[in-house]
C-alpha atoms as a PDB file:
ATOM      1  CA  MET A   1     -45.061 -43.246  67.211  1.00  0.00           C
ATOM      2  CA  SER A   2     -43.000 -42.625  69.967  1.00  0.00           C
ATOM      3  CA  HIS A   3     -42.816 -38.210  69.795  1.00  0.00           C
ATOM      4  CA  LYS A   4     -45.107 -37.261  72.864  1.00  0.00           C
ATOM      5  CA  LYS A   5     -48.347 -35.309  72.223  1.00  0.00           C
ATOM      6  CA  GLY A   6     -47.666 -31.270  71.375  1.00  0.00           C
ATOM      7  CA  LYS A   7     -43.845 -31.599  69.974  1.00  0.00           C
ATOM      8  CA  ARG A   8     -43.583 -29.060  67.900  1.00  0.00           C
ATOM      9  CA  TYR A   9     -41.612 -28.999  64.372  1.00  0.00           C
ATOM     10  CA  ASN A  10     -40.134 -25.730  62.154  1.00  0.00           C
ATOM     11  CA  PRO A  11     -41.961 -25.076  58.820  1.00  0.00           C
ATOM     12  CA  SER A  12     -39.048 -25.842  57.236  1.00  0.00           C
ATOM     13  CA  PHE A  13     -38.396 -29.658  58.513  1.00  0.00           C
ATOM     14  CA  LYS A  14     -42.614 -29.972  57.901  1.00  0.00           C
ATOM     15  CA  LEU A  15     -41.523 -28.332  54.297  1.00  0.00           C
ATOM     16  CA  GLN A  16     -38.664 -31.060  53.839  1.00  0.00           C
ATOM     17  CA  VAL A  17     -40.938 -33.978  55.216  1.00  0.00           C
ATOM     18  CA  VAL A  18     -43.458 -32.997  52.910  1.00  0.00           C
ATOM     19  CA  LEU A  19     -41.238 -32.733  49.730  1.00  0.00           C
ATOM     20  CA  ASP A  20     -39.816 -36.224  50.611  1.00  0.00           C
ATOM     21  CA  SER A  21     -43.395 -37.935  50.227  1.00  0.00           C
ATOM     22  CA  LEU A  22     -44.230 -36.530  47.166  1.00  0.00           C
ATOM     23  CA  ASP A  23     -41.060 -37.887  45.784  1.00  0.00           C
ATOM     24  CA  PRO A  24     -42.446 -40.850  43.774  1.00  0.00           C
ATOM     25  CA  ASN A  25     -39.182 -42.831  44.752  1.00  0.00           C
ATOM     26  CA  ASN A  26     -39.969 -42.574  48.439  1.00  0.00           C
ATOM     27  CA  THR A  27     -42.680 -44.655  50.059  1.00  0.00           C
ATOM     28  CA  LEU A  28     -44.866 -43.336  52.430  1.00  0.00           C
ATOM     29  CA  ILE A  29     -43.741 -46.057  55.057  1.00  0.00           C
ATOM     30  CA  ALA A  30     -40.118 -44.955  54.360  1.00  0.00           C
ATOM     31  CA  ILE A  31     -40.731 -41.303  55.405  1.00  0.00           C
ATOM     32  CA  MET A  32     -42.612 -42.497  58.592  1.00  0.00           C
ATOM     33  CA  LYS A  33     -39.513 -44.108  59.510  1.00  0.00           C
ATOM     34  CA  LYS A  34     -37.013 -41.616  58.493  1.00  0.00           C
ATOM     35  CA  TYR A  35     -38.534 -38.907  60.574  1.00  0.00           C
ATOM     36  CA  ASP A  36     -40.074 -41.126  63.266  1.00  0.00           C
ATOM     37  CA  LEU A  37     -43.406 -39.568  62.476  1.00  0.00           C
ATOM     38  CA  SER A  38     -47.300 -40.844  62.216  1.00  0.00           C
ATOM     39  CA  LYS A  39     -49.067 -41.089  58.625  1.00  0.00           C
ATOM     40  CA  SER A  40     -51.340 -38.889  60.825  1.00  0.00           C
ATOM     41  CA  THR A  41     -48.872 -36.075  61.076  1.00  0.00           C
ATOM     42  CA  ILE A  42     -47.485 -36.785  57.732  1.00  0.00           C
ATOM     43  CA  ASN A  43     -50.655 -36.263  55.617  1.00  0.00           C
ATOM     44  CA  SER A  44     -51.996 -33.694  58.043  1.00  0.00           C
ATOM     45  CA  TRP A  45     -48.995 -31.522  56.906  1.00  0.00           C
ATOM     46  CA  ARG A  46     -49.197 -32.345  53.452  1.00  0.00           C
ATOM     47  CA  LYS A  47     -52.967 -30.766  53.461  1.00  0.00           C
ATOM     48  CA  GLN A  48     -51.855 -27.885  54.552  1.00  0.00           C
ATOM     49  CA  PHE A  49     -49.435 -27.580  52.020  1.00  0.00           C
ATOM     50  CA  PHE A  50     -51.797 -28.366  49.218  1.00  0.00           C
ATOM     51  CA  LYS A  51     -54.096 -25.716  50.909  1.00  0.00           C
ATOM     52  CA  ASN A  52     -51.458 -22.799  51.199  1.00  0.00           C
ATOM     53  CA  ALA A  53     -48.871 -23.462  48.056  1.00  0.00           C
ATOM     54  CA  HIS A  54     -50.607 -20.801  46.205  1.00  0.00           C
ATOM     55  CA  LEU A  55     -49.807 -18.495  48.344  1.00  0.00           C
ATOM     56  CA  VAL A  56     -45.781 -18.936  47.370  1.00  0.00           C
ATOM     57  CA  PHE A  57     -47.366 -16.874  44.140  1.00  0.00           C
ATOM     58  CA  ASP A  58     -49.307 -14.296  46.319  1.00  0.00           C
ATOM     59  CA  ASN A  59     -47.429 -11.036  45.411  1.00  0.00           C
ATOM     60  CA  SER A  60     -49.033  -9.316  48.168  1.00  0.00           C
ATOM     61  CA  LEU A  61     -47.435 -11.376  50.776  1.00  0.00           C
ATOM     62  CA  SER A  62     -44.091 -10.466  49.875  1.00  0.00           C
ATOM     63  CA  LYS A  63     -44.473  -6.971  50.703  1.00  0.00           C
ATOM     64  CA  LYS A  64     -41.066  -4.974  51.955  1.00  0.00           C
ATOM     65  CA  PRO A  65     -40.754  -4.864  55.898  1.00  0.00           C
ATOM     66  CA  SER A  66     -40.931  -1.279  57.495  1.00  0.00           C
ATOM     67  CA  LEU A  67     -38.683  -0.394  60.144  1.00  0.00           C
ATOM     68  CA  SER A  68     -41.485  -0.010  62.582  1.00  0.00           C
ATOM     69  CA  GLU A  69     -41.822  -3.409  62.154  1.00  0.00           C
ATOM     70  CA  SER A  70     -41.314  -5.359  65.129  1.00  0.00           C
ATOM     71  CA  PRO A  71     -38.384  -7.921  65.571  1.00  0.00           C
ATOM     72  CA  GLN A  72     -41.335 -10.607  66.205  1.00  0.00           C
ATOM     73  CA  GLU A  73     -43.062  -9.640  62.903  1.00  0.00           C
ATOM     74  CA  LEU A  74     -39.487  -9.834  60.878  1.00  0.00           C
ATOM     75  CA  LYS A  75     -38.780 -13.199  62.202  1.00  0.00           C
ATOM     76  CA  ARG A  76     -42.526 -14.098  60.740  1.00  0.00           C
ATOM     77  CA  ILE A  77     -41.238 -12.713  57.435  1.00  0.00           C
ATOM     78  CA  ILE A  78     -38.182 -14.286  57.528  1.00  0.00           C
ATOM     79  CA  GLY A  79     -39.176 -18.124  58.030  1.00  0.00           C
ATOM     80  CA  ARG A  80     -41.489 -17.803  55.373  1.00  0.00           C
ATOM     81  CA  LEU A  81     -39.333 -16.465  52.972  1.00  0.00           C
ATOM     82  CA  THR A  82     -37.260 -19.528  53.908  1.00  0.00           C
ATOM     83  CA  VAL A  83     -40.148 -21.816  53.067  1.00  0.00           C
ATOM     84  CA  GLU A  84     -40.655 -20.405  50.277  1.00  0.00           C
ATOM     85  CA  LEU A  85     -37.232 -20.519  48.965  1.00  0.00           C
ATOM     86  CA  GLU A  86     -37.122 -24.234  50.038  1.00  0.00           C
ATOM     87  CA  ILE A  87     -40.283 -24.491  47.819  1.00  0.00           C
ATOM     88  CA  LEU A  88     -38.425 -23.174  45.246  1.00  0.00           C
ATOM     89  CA  LYS A  89     -35.056 -24.972  45.265  1.00  0.00           C
ATOM     90  CA  LYS A  90     -36.702 -28.433  45.653  1.00  0.00           C
ATOM     91  CA  THR A  91     -39.338 -27.023  42.573  1.00  0.00           C
ATOM     92  CA  PHE A  92     -36.066 -26.050  40.203  1.00  0.00           C
ATOM     93  CA  ASN A  93     -33.700 -29.228  42.048  1.00  0.00           C
ATOM     94  CA  LEU A  94     -31.211 -26.359  42.951  1.00  0.00           C
ATOM     95  CA  THR A  95     -30.557 -27.593  46.029  1.00  0.00           C
ATOM     96  CA  ASN A  96     -27.040 -28.389  47.023  1.00  0.00           C
END
């Protein structure tokens, strides 16, 4: 599509695209047009999603941050928790 090679998307955006693509009321072509993404990009994100979905239930990843953790690490943890929350909201239809 029209995106430059190497364009970066945040995890929340990728998750939204993947979840929209899993909705049986949406077609892949409609998702491609809605987000201006290629079929290969969407399929790649879907593969990543399914490959890593089990990690949502991995309690060892849910450790509490210590005071010694860097701001970079804390931002990573916040990002991961945000993605997990969005997955759970979509799973249980708790979106706004």
